[in-house]
């Protein structure tokens, strides 16, 4: 899980892509941060971190979906040991 403080300083995020035929195992992928973490003065607990994966896929990490992303590969494997490190793991 990524916190707001981590989102302000990280350069890459790790996430899991599941295969539609086998939802138990997932492949670990790595995306890179594509911009500055956005925060709000009026909503101090909220943040939005733009990220990129592959050539054309973009996504945001925010306070609602931060539990699906990690900062290191060791964190992913500690929380989900059944996940497979993909050969397409790099950006």
N, C-alpha and C. Protein backbone atom coordinates (compact mmCIF):
# COMPACT_ATOMS: atom_id res chain seq x y z
N UNK A 1 0.83 -1.18 0.00
CA UNK A 1 0.00 0.00 0.00
C UNK A 1 0.88 1.24 0.00
N UNK A 2 0.47 2.22 -0.74
CA UNK A 2 1.22 3.48 -0.85
C UNK A 2 0.52 4.55 0.00
N UNK A 3 1.29 5.23 0.81
CA UNK A 3 0.75 6.33 1.61
C UNK A 3 1.01 7.66 0.89
N UNK A 4 0.42 8.71 1.41
CA UNK A 4 0.60 10.03 0.81
C UNK A 4 2.05 10.48 0.87
N UNK A 5 2.71 10.21 1.98
CA UNK A 5 4.12 10.61 2.13
C UNK A 5 5.01 9.86 1.15
N UNK A 6 4.74 8.58 0.92
CA UNK A 6 5.51 7.81 -0.04
C UNK A 6 5.24 8.30 -1.46
N UNK A 7 4.00 8.65 -1.75
CA UNK A 7 3.63 9.11 -3.10
C UNK A 7 4.35 10.40 -3.48
N UNK A 8 4.70 11.20 -2.49
CA UNK A 8 5.38 12.46 -2.77
C UNK A 8 6.82 12.24 -3.23
N UNK A 9 7.41 11.05 -2.94
CA UNK A 9 8.84 10.89 -3.21
C UNK A 9 9.22 9.67 -4.04
N UNK A 10 8.29 8.81 -4.41
CA UNK A 10 8.67 7.59 -5.14
C UNK A 10 8.81 7.85 -6.63
N UNK A 11 9.50 6.96 -7.33
CA UNK A 11 9.70 7.08 -8.76
C UNK A 11 9.09 5.95 -9.56
N UNK A 12 8.70 4.86 -8.87
CA UNK A 12 8.08 3.74 -9.55
C UNK A 12 7.10 3.04 -8.61
N UNK A 13 6.10 2.40 -9.19
CA UNK A 13 5.10 1.66 -8.42
C UNK A 13 4.99 0.25 -8.97
N UNK A 14 4.63 -0.68 -8.11
CA UNK A 14 4.45 -2.08 -8.49
C UNK A 14 2.98 -2.43 -8.32
N UNK A 15 2.45 -3.21 -9.24
CA UNK A 15 1.05 -3.62 -9.17
C UNK A 15 0.92 -5.01 -9.76
N UNK A 16 -0.24 -5.62 -9.58
CA UNK A 16 -0.47 -6.99 -10.03
C UNK A 16 -1.55 -6.99 -11.09
N UNK A 17 -1.26 -7.66 -12.21
CA UNK A 17 -2.24 -7.88 -13.27
C UNK A 17 -2.69 -9.33 -13.19
N UNK A 18 -4.00 -9.55 -13.12
CA UNK A 18 -4.51 -10.91 -13.04
C UNK A 18 -4.96 -11.39 -14.40
N UNK A 19 -4.79 -12.67 -14.63
CA UNK A 19 -5.22 -13.31 -15.86
C UNK A 19 -6.71 -13.64 -15.72
N UNK A 20 -7.54 -13.34 -16.70
CA UNK A 20 -8.96 -13.63 -16.58
C UNK A 20 -9.26 -15.13 -16.41
N UNK A 21 -8.39 -15.99 -16.90
CA UNK A 21 -8.63 -17.42 -16.77
C UNK A 21 -8.21 -17.96 -15.41
N UNK A 22 -7.28 -17.30 -14.74
CA UNK A 22 -6.80 -17.77 -13.45
C UNK A 22 -6.64 -16.57 -12.53
N UNK A 23 -7.65 -16.25 -11.76
CA UNK A 23 -7.65 -15.05 -10.94
C UNK A 23 -6.84 -15.19 -9.66
N UNK A 24 -6.44 -16.41 -9.30
CA UNK A 24 -5.70 -16.59 -8.06
C UNK A 24 -4.28 -16.07 -8.19
N UNK A 25 -3.62 -16.43 -9.26
CA UNK A 25 -2.25 -15.96 -9.48
C UNK A 25 -2.28 -14.68 -10.30
N UNK A 26 -1.34 -13.81 -10.04
CA UNK A 26 -1.22 -12.58 -10.80
C UNK A 26 0.22 -12.32 -11.13
N UNK A 27 0.45 -11.51 -12.13
CA UNK A 27 1.80 -11.14 -12.52
C UNK A 27 2.13 -9.76 -11.98
N UNK A 28 3.31 -9.63 -11.42
CA UNK A 28 3.76 -8.36 -10.88
C UNK A 28 4.32 -7.52 -12.02
N UNK A 29 3.85 -6.31 -12.12
CA UNK A 29 4.33 -5.37 -13.13
C UNK A 29 4.82 -4.10 -12.45
N UNK A 30 5.65 -3.36 -13.17
CA UNK A 30 6.22 -2.12 -12.65
C UNK A 30 5.83 -0.96 -13.55
N UNK A 31 5.35 0.10 -12.95
CA UNK A 31 5.03 1.32 -13.68
C UNK A 31 5.87 2.46 -13.13
N UNK A 32 6.01 3.49 -13.92
CA UNK A 32 6.82 4.62 -13.44
C UNK A 32 5.94 5.84 -13.22
N UNK A 33 6.38 6.67 -12.32
CA UNK A 33 5.66 7.90 -12.02
C UNK A 33 5.84 8.85 -13.19
N UNK A 34 4.73 9.44 -13.61
CA UNK A 34 4.73 10.23 -14.83
C UNK A 34 4.53 11.72 -14.58
N UNK A 35 4.53 12.13 -13.34
CA UNK A 35 4.33 13.54 -13.03
C UNK A 35 4.45 13.78 -11.54
N UNK A 36 4.02 14.95 -11.13
CA UNK A 36 4.11 15.34 -9.73
C UNK A 36 2.86 14.89 -8.98
N UNK A 37 3.04 14.51 -7.74
CA UNK A 37 1.92 14.11 -6.89
C UNK A 37 1.09 15.35 -6.56
N UNK A 38 -0.21 15.26 -6.83
CA UNK A 38 -1.09 16.39 -6.60
C UNK A 38 -1.76 16.24 -5.23
N UNK A 39 -1.73 17.31 -4.45
CA UNK A 39 -2.37 17.34 -3.14
C UNK A 39 -3.25 18.59 -3.07
N UNK A 40 -4.15 18.60 -2.09
CA UNK A 40 -5.08 19.71 -1.93
C UNK A 40 -4.99 20.26 -0.51
N UNK A 41 -5.07 21.58 -0.37
CA UNK A 41 -5.06 22.20 0.96
C UNK A 41 -6.37 21.95 1.70
N UNK A 42 -7.47 21.94 0.97
CA UNK A 42 -8.78 21.78 1.60
C UNK A 42 -9.09 20.32 1.95
N UNK A 43 -8.39 19.38 1.30
CA UNK A 43 -8.58 17.94 1.60
C UNK A 43 -7.20 17.33 1.86
N UNK A 44 -6.67 17.47 3.05
CA UNK A 44 -5.28 17.08 3.31
C UNK A 44 -5.01 15.59 3.23
N UNK A 45 -6.02 14.75 3.33
CA UNK A 45 -5.77 13.30 3.27
C UNK A 45 -5.76 12.76 1.85
N UNK A 46 -6.14 13.56 0.88
CA UNK A 46 -6.24 13.10 -0.51
C UNK A 46 -4.97 13.42 -1.30
N UNK A 47 -4.67 12.54 -2.27
CA UNK A 47 -3.55 12.75 -3.18
C UNK A 47 -3.86 12.05 -4.50
N UNK A 48 -3.12 12.42 -5.54
CA UNK A 48 -3.29 11.80 -6.86
C UNK A 48 -1.93 11.77 -7.54
N UNK A 49 -1.46 10.55 -7.86
CA UNK A 49 -0.14 10.36 -8.44
C UNK A 49 -0.29 9.80 -9.85
N UNK A 50 0.08 10.54 -10.90
CA UNK A 50 -0.02 10.01 -12.26
C UNK A 50 1.11 9.03 -12.56
N UNK A 51 0.78 7.90 -13.20
CA UNK A 51 1.75 6.86 -13.52
C UNK A 51 1.55 6.38 -14.94
N UNK A 52 2.59 5.75 -15.47
CA UNK A 52 2.57 5.21 -16.83
C UNK A 52 3.05 3.78 -16.82
N UNK A 53 2.41 2.96 -17.65
CA UNK A 53 2.82 1.58 -17.81
C UNK A 53 2.81 1.25 -19.31
N UNK A 54 3.89 0.72 -19.82
CA UNK A 54 3.96 0.40 -21.24
C UNK A 54 4.07 1.65 -22.09
N UNK A 55 3.64 1.53 -23.35
CA UNK A 55 3.74 2.69 -24.24
C UNK A 55 2.51 3.59 -24.20
N UNK A 56 1.34 3.01 -23.94
CA UNK A 56 0.11 3.79 -24.07
C UNK A 56 -0.80 3.76 -22.85
N UNK A 57 -0.45 3.05 -21.81
CA UNK A 57 -1.35 2.91 -20.67
C UNK A 57 -0.95 3.87 -19.56
N UNK A 58 -1.93 4.61 -19.07
CA UNK A 58 -1.75 5.57 -17.99
C UNK A 58 -2.75 5.26 -16.89
N UNK A 59 -2.38 5.54 -15.66
CA UNK A 59 -3.28 5.35 -14.55
C UNK A 59 -2.90 6.29 -13.42
N UNK A 60 -3.79 6.42 -12.45
CA UNK A 60 -3.55 7.26 -11.28
C UNK A 60 -3.59 6.41 -10.03
N UNK A 61 -2.71 6.72 -9.09
CA UNK A 61 -2.76 6.15 -7.75
C UNK A 61 -3.32 7.24 -6.86
N UNK A 62 -4.43 6.96 -6.19
CA UNK A 62 -5.00 7.93 -5.26
C UNK A 62 -5.35 7.24 -3.95
N UNK A 63 -5.94 7.96 -3.04
CA UNK A 63 -6.22 7.40 -1.72
C UNK A 63 -7.23 6.25 -1.77
N UNK A 64 -8.05 6.17 -2.80
CA UNK A 64 -9.05 5.11 -2.90
C UNK A 64 -8.46 3.78 -3.37
N UNK A 65 -7.50 3.81 -4.29
CA UNK A 65 -6.94 2.56 -4.84
C UNK A 65 -5.49 2.33 -4.43
N UNK A 66 -4.99 3.03 -3.42
CA UNK A 66 -3.59 2.91 -3.01
C UNK A 66 -3.25 1.53 -2.46
N UNK A 67 -4.23 0.77 -2.03
CA UNK A 67 -3.99 -0.58 -1.52
C UNK A 67 -3.60 -1.57 -2.59
N UNK A 68 -3.82 -1.23 -3.86
CA UNK A 68 -3.49 -2.11 -4.99
C UNK A 68 -2.08 -1.88 -5.53
N UNK A 69 -1.34 -0.94 -4.96
CA UNK A 69 -0.02 -0.57 -5.45
C UNK A 69 0.99 -0.61 -4.31
N UNK A 70 2.25 -0.90 -4.64
CA UNK A 70 3.32 -1.00 -3.65
C UNK A 70 4.54 -0.23 -4.15
N UNK A 71 5.46 0.06 -3.20
CA UNK A 71 6.64 0.85 -3.55
C UNK A 71 7.85 -0.02 -3.89
N UNK A 72 7.92 -1.24 -3.38
CA UNK A 72 9.05 -2.13 -3.68
C UNK A 72 8.54 -3.52 -4.03
N UNK A 73 9.38 -4.26 -4.72
CA UNK A 73 9.04 -5.63 -5.10
C UNK A 73 8.94 -6.52 -3.87
N UNK A 74 9.77 -6.26 -2.87
CA UNK A 74 9.73 -7.06 -1.63
C UNK A 74 8.40 -6.88 -0.90
N UNK A 75 7.82 -5.68 -0.94
CA UNK A 75 6.52 -5.45 -0.31
C UNK A 75 5.42 -6.25 -1.00
N UNK A 76 5.48 -6.32 -2.33
CA UNK A 76 4.48 -7.09 -3.08
C UNK A 76 4.57 -8.56 -2.72
N UNK A 77 5.78 -9.10 -2.72
CA UNK A 77 5.96 -10.52 -2.44
C UNK A 77 5.66 -10.86 -0.98
N UNK A 78 5.84 -9.91 -0.07
CA UNK A 78 5.50 -10.16 1.33
C UNK A 78 3.98 -10.24 1.53
N UNK A 79 3.26 -9.38 0.80
CA UNK A 79 1.80 -9.36 0.96
C UNK A 79 1.10 -10.40 0.10
N UNK A 80 1.63 -10.64 -1.10
CA UNK A 80 1.03 -11.62 -2.01
C UNK A 80 2.11 -12.59 -2.49
N UNK A 81 2.46 -13.60 -1.70
CA UNK A 81 3.55 -14.51 -2.07
C UNK A 81 3.23 -15.40 -3.26
N UNK A 82 1.96 -15.55 -3.62
CA UNK A 82 1.61 -16.38 -4.76
C UNK A 82 1.77 -15.65 -6.10
N UNK A 83 2.05 -14.36 -6.07
CA UNK A 83 2.20 -13.58 -7.30
C UNK A 83 3.48 -13.98 -8.03
N UNK A 84 3.41 -13.93 -9.36
CA UNK A 84 4.52 -14.33 -10.22
C UNK A 84 5.23 -13.08 -10.72
N UNK A 85 6.55 -13.08 -10.66
CA UNK A 85 7.32 -11.98 -11.23
C UNK A 85 7.35 -12.19 -12.73
N UNK A 86 6.77 -11.28 -13.47
CA UNK A 86 6.60 -11.42 -14.90
C UNK A 86 7.91 -11.16 -15.64
N UNK A 87 8.04 -11.79 -16.81
CA UNK A 87 9.20 -11.49 -17.64
C UNK A 87 9.05 -10.13 -18.31
N UNK A 88 7.82 -9.59 -18.33
CA UNK A 88 7.56 -8.25 -18.84
C UNK A 88 7.44 -7.27 -17.69
N UNK A 89 8.23 -7.48 -16.66
CA UNK A 89 8.14 -6.78 -15.39
C UNK A 89 8.56 -5.33 -15.51
N UNK A 90 9.48 -4.99 -16.37
CA UNK A 90 9.98 -3.62 -16.47
C UNK A 90 9.06 -2.77 -17.32
N UNK A 91 9.25 -1.45 -17.24
CA UNK A 91 8.48 -0.58 -18.08
C UNK A 91 9.06 -0.60 -19.44
